[in-house]
Amino acid sequence: MSTRERTVFPERAPGWLRPALGVDARAVQERIGNRDADRFTQTTPPVRRESAVLVLFKGSSFKDGEVLLTHRSPTMRSHSGQIAFPGGRRDPEDATLVDVALREAWEETGLERASVTALEVWEQLHIRATGNPVSPVLAYWHSPGEVWAASPEETDDVFWYPLRELAEPKNRLLVGFGPWHGPAFYTNDYLVWGFTAGILATILEHAGWERTWDNNSVHDLHGALSRSRNNEKMF
């Protein structure tokens, strides 16, 4: 395949970010699915419209590295109030999953496609509540510019969060409800949990950026959300 035909360029990742490449999607699925994870690997989930999210990093080292996050508007019908990566469903005009992630990021945050280098596309993950297939696209912002809440009806906050802060033990916890539990993070008084937190936690561990934290105590998810500014609809 020629360079022109390729959509991902892992060799263009800066040296500090290369340890984050090559994550096994099954490790993420286990984190976000717990007891339900097996039903996605042992059976064929219903055919649904594909989605992709953009996991975008910037910086010159881990010390100043950051990841792009958004807060979904509390008025949204699905995943309202959650912290998420930019992303959404595949449209007919999207030739690849990279196209999906970059188009959605532009619509939600104003991110210029030409400023981003896509590094790799993970195998599909499945959202625990719905089973919907989502492919994370890891990317690097090689020409930083400006991002903002370009689509307020979808996203009312767009921000970069330092990787060093994500790795801080005081910002990490396990949350759960019923038989389910999973990793979570405190960021800017938001609670990051579920799909997004599972990806971030796996990257931290895989890249060797993780620090020792309390991964034994499980905190009530509803209680943690009530103390955050997510403004999520309780389930």
Protein backbone atom coordinates (compact mmCIF):
# COMPACT_ATOMS: atom_id res chain seq x y z
CA MET A 1 0.00 0.00 0.00
CA SER A 2 1.42 3.40 -0.96
CA THR A 3 1.85 6.23 1.54
CA ARG A 4 -0.89 8.12 -0.26
CA GLU A 5 -3.34 5.25 0.26
CA ARG A 6 -2.53 4.74 3.92
CA THR A 7 -4.66 6.27 6.64
CA VAL A 8 -2.44 5.63 9.69
CA PHE A 9 1.25 6.38 10.19
CA PRO A 10 2.59 4.82 13.40
CA GLU A 11 6.16 5.59 12.36
CA ARG A 12 5.35 9.30 12.67
CA ALA A 13 4.55 9.03 16.39
CA PRO A 14 6.95 11.08 18.52
CA GLY A 15 9.27 8.91 20.57
CA TRP A 16 7.56 9.61 23.89
CA LEU A 17 4.17 8.49 22.53
CA ARG A 18 5.30 5.25 20.88
CA PRO A 19 4.90 3.16 24.07
CA ALA A 20 1.16 3.95 23.91
CA LEU A 21 0.78 2.19 20.56
CA GLY A 22 -0.10 -1.46 20.17
CA VAL A 23 -2.76 -1.77 22.87
CA ASP A 24 -4.70 -5.03 22.78
CA ALA A 25 -8.36 -4.01 22.47
CA ARG A 26 -9.36 -7.08 24.46
CA ALA A 27 -7.69 -5.58 27.52
CA VAL A 28 -9.86 -2.50 27.16
CA GLN A 29 -12.99 -4.58 26.62
CA GLU A 30 -12.28 -6.48 29.82
CA ARG A 31 -11.98 -3.22 31.75
CA ILE A 32 -15.18 -1.69 30.43
CA GLY A 33 -17.21 -4.89 30.28
CA ASN A 34 -16.23 -6.96 33.32
CA ARG A 35 -18.67 -9.86 33.50
CA ASP A 36 -20.32 -8.91 30.23
CA ALA A 37 -17.08 -8.92 28.24
CA ASP A 38 -17.33 -12.60 27.32
CA ARG A 39 -20.62 -12.19 25.51
CA PHE A 40 -18.91 -9.96 22.98
CA THR A 41 -16.04 -12.37 22.30
CA GLN A 42 -18.03 -15.61 22.34
CA THR A 43 -21.00 -14.52 20.28
CA THR A 44 -21.53 -12.23 17.31
CA PRO A 45 -23.15 -8.97 18.45
CA PRO A 46 -26.05 -7.56 16.42
CA VAL A 47 -24.99 -5.65 13.31
CA ARG A 48 -25.07 -1.96 14.15
CA ARG A 49 -23.76 1.19 12.55
CA GLU A 50 -20.04 1.60 13.13
CA SER A 51 -18.64 4.43 15.21
CA ALA A 52 -15.17 5.82 15.85
CA VAL A 53 -13.63 8.10 18.46
CA LEU A 54 -10.48 10.19 18.28
CA VAL A 55 -7.96 9.65 21.09
CA LEU A 56 -5.79 12.67 20.39
CA PHE A 57 -2.53 13.51 22.15
CA LYS A 58 -0.31 16.57 22.00
CA GLY A 59 2.98 17.57 23.61
CA SER A 60 6.70 16.99 23.35
CA SER A 61 7.00 14.47 26.21
CA PHE A 62 4.91 12.65 28.76
CA LYS A 63 5.62 15.49 31.21
CA ASP A 64 3.79 18.01 29.05
CA GLY A 65 1.61 15.54 27.15
CA GLU A 66 -2.16 16.04 27.12
CA VAL A 67 -5.23 14.25 25.81
CA LEU A 68 -8.33 15.86 24.27
CA LEU A 69 -11.62 15.34 26.12
CA THR A 70 -15.15 16.66 25.73
CA HIS A 71 -18.18 16.96 28.00
CA ARG A 72 -21.35 15.79 26.29
CA SER A 73 -24.24 18.16 26.72
CA PRO A 74 -26.67 17.03 29.45
CA THR A 75 -29.51 17.52 26.93
CA MET A 76 -28.23 14.76 24.65
CA ARG A 77 -30.39 11.64 24.39
CA SER A 78 -27.50 9.19 24.78
CA HIS A 79 -24.47 9.33 27.09
CA SER A 80 -25.61 12.77 28.23
CA GLY A 81 -23.29 14.55 30.66
CA GLN A 82 -20.45 12.09 30.17
CA ILE A 83 -16.82 12.90 29.51
CA ALA A 84 -15.94 11.45 26.12
CA PHE A 85 -13.52 11.50 23.23
CA PRO A 86 -14.74 13.31 20.12
CA GLY A 87 -16.49 10.82 17.89
CA GLY A 88 -19.69 9.41 16.50
CA ARG A 89 -21.32 7.19 13.94
CA ARG A 90 -20.07 6.47 10.46
CA ASP A 91 -21.76 8.38 7.63
CA PRO A 92 -22.03 7.06 4.07
CA GLU A 93 -19.44 9.56 2.86
CA ASP A 94 -16.82 8.37 5.38
CA ALA A 95 -14.35 6.19 3.49
CA THR A 96 -12.52 4.95 6.60
CA LEU A 97 -12.81 4.93 10.37
CA VAL A 98 -10.10 7.58 10.47
CA ASP A 99 -12.40 9.75 8.36
CA VAL A 100 -15.20 9.17 10.88
CA ALA A 101 -13.08 10.18 13.87
CA LEU A 102 -11.60 13.27 12.21
CA ARG A 103 -14.93 14.47 10.78
CA GLU A 104 -16.63 14.11 14.15
CA ALA A 105 -13.75 15.87 15.92
CA TRP A 106 -14.02 18.76 13.47
CA GLU A 107 -17.79 19.00 13.98
CA GLU A 108 -17.52 18.87 17.79
CA THR A 109 -14.30 20.78 18.49
CA GLY A 110 -13.29 22.63 15.32
CA LEU A 111 -10.16 20.46 15.05
CA GLU A 112 -8.47 20.89 11.67
CA ARG A 113 -7.92 17.52 9.99
CA ALA A 114 -4.64 18.57 8.40
CA SER A 115 -3.16 19.27 11.83
CA VAL A 116 -3.55 15.66 12.97
CA THR A 117 -1.52 12.51 12.25
CA ALA A 118 -3.51 9.30 12.72
CA LEU A 119 -1.25 6.66 14.26
CA GLU A 120 -3.36 3.52 14.56
CA VAL A 121 -6.92 2.20 14.61
CA TRP A 122 -7.83 -0.29 17.32
CA GLU A 123 -10.06 -3.27 16.85
CA GLN A 124 -13.71 -2.62 17.60
CA LEU A 125 -14.82 -2.27 21.20
CA HIS A 126 -18.41 -2.71 22.35
CA ILE A 127 -20.20 -0.35 24.68
CA ARG A 128 -21.38 -2.32 27.70
CA ALA A 129 -24.93 -0.92 27.77
CA THR A 130 -25.69 -1.23 24.05
CA GLY A 131 -23.10 -3.46 22.40
CA ASN A 132 -22.51 -0.78 19.77
CA PRO A 133 -19.16 -1.22 17.95
CA VAL A 134 -16.70 1.64 18.40
CA SER A 135 -13.17 1.88 16.99
CA PRO A 136 -10.70 4.17 18.79
CA VAL A 137 -8.32 6.07 16.51
CA LEU A 138 -5.10 7.10 18.26
CA ALA A 139 -3.58 10.26 16.84
CA TYR A 140 -1.03 13.00 17.45
CA TRP A 141 -1.63 16.75 17.07
CA HIS A 142 1.50 17.67 15.17
CA SER A 143 0.37 21.25 14.40
CA PRO A 144 -1.54 22.52 17.46
CA GLY A 145 -4.14 25.19 16.91
CA GLU A 146 -7.43 26.00 18.58
CA VAL A 147 -10.30 23.79 19.71
CA TRP A 148 -13.62 24.82 21.19
CA ALA A 149 -17.19 23.60 21.77
CA ALA A 150 -18.11 23.90 18.09
CA SER A 151 -21.42 22.06 18.46
CA PRO A 152 -22.93 23.13 21.82
CA GLU A 153 -25.98 20.93 21.38
CA GLU A 154 -23.63 17.93 21.44
CA THR A 155 -20.63 19.13 23.45
CA ASP A 156 -20.62 22.01 25.93
CA ASP A 157 -16.98 21.76 27.06
CA VAL A 158 -13.77 20.86 25.23
CA PHE A 159 -10.48 20.70 27.08
CA TRP A 160 -6.99 19.21 27.13
CA TYR A 161 -6.07 17.24 30.22
CA PRO A 162 -2.45 16.56 31.27
CA LEU A 163 -1.38 12.93 31.22
CA ARG A 164 0.61 13.49 34.40
CA GLU A 165 -2.61 14.50 36.16
CA LEU A 166 -4.39 11.41 34.84
CA ALA A 167 -1.62 9.25 36.29
CA GLU A 168 -1.76 10.95 39.70
CA PRO A 169 -3.03 8.35 42.22
CA LYS A 170 -5.25 10.97 43.91
CA ASN A 171 -7.14 11.41 40.63
CA ARG A 172 -7.85 7.70 40.14
CA LEU A 173 -10.51 5.40 41.59
CA LEU A 174 -12.67 2.39 40.88
CA VAL A 175 -16.42 2.98 40.57
CA GLY A 176 -19.21 0.45 40.40
CA PHE A 177 -22.90 -0.29 40.49
CA GLY A 178 -24.43 -3.74 40.85
CA PRO A 179 -21.98 -6.40 39.64
CA TRP A 180 -20.12 -3.97 37.38
CA HIS A 181 -17.03 -1.96 38.28
CA GLY A 182 -14.43 -0.11 36.29
CA PRO A 183 -11.70 2.55 36.39
CA ALA A 184 -12.46 6.23 36.72
CA PHE A 185 -10.63 9.55 36.90
CA TYR A 186 -11.26 12.99 38.39
CA THR A 187 -10.58 15.72 35.82
CA ASN A 188 -11.55 19.38 36.25
CA ASP A 189 -14.23 18.32 38.77
CA TYR A 190 -15.68 15.92 36.21
CA LEU A 191 -15.81 12.15 36.66
CA VAL A 192 -14.44 10.18 33.72
CA TRP A 193 -15.71 6.60 33.77
CA GLY A 194 -16.95 3.79 31.52
CA PHE A 195 -15.68 3.52 27.95
CA THR A 196 -13.48 6.63 28.05
CA ALA A 197 -11.87 5.76 31.38
CA GLY A 198 -11.25 2.19 30.24
CA ILE A 199 -9.28 3.41 27.25
CA LEU A 200 -7.27 5.91 29.28
CA ALA A 201 -6.50 3.40 32.04
CA THR A 202 -5.33 0.80 29.55
CA ILE A 203 -3.08 3.27 27.73
CA LEU A 204 -1.49 4.40 31.00
CA GLU A 205 -0.71 0.82 31.97
CA HIS A 206 0.39 -0.31 28.50
CA ALA A 207 2.71 2.68 28.03
CA GLY A 208 4.31 2.28 31.45
CA TRP A 209 2.95 5.63 32.65
CA GLU A 210 0.83 4.21 35.46
CA ARG A 211 1.66 4.92 39.11
CA THR A 212 0.58 2.82 42.08
CA TRP A 213 -2.98 3.71 43.07
CA ASP A 214 -5.85 2.24 45.08
CA ASN A 215 -7.36 -0.21 42.62
CA ASN A 216 -9.06 -2.32 45.28
CA SER A 217 -11.66 -0.03 46.87
CA VAL A 218 -14.84 0.30 44.76
CA HIS A 219 -16.75 3.58 45.11
CA ASP A 220 -20.45 3.88 44.40
CA LEU A 221 -20.85 5.29 40.88
CA HIS A 222 -24.01 7.26 41.68
CA GLY A 223 -22.36 8.87 44.66
CA ALA A 224 -19.25 9.77 42.68
CA LEU A 225 -21.37 11.27 39.89
CA SER A 226 -23.43 13.30 42.35
CA ARG A 227 -20.22 14.91 43.60
CA SER A 228 -19.06 15.76 40.08
CA ARG A 229 -20.19 18.43 37.65
CA ASN A 230 -21.05 15.92 34.93
CA ASN A 231 -24.79 16.54 35.37
CA GLU A 232 -25.45 13.04 34.05
CA LYS A 233 -28.87 11.50 33.98
CA MET A 234 -28.91 8.84 36.69
CA PHE A 235 -29.81 5.34 35.54
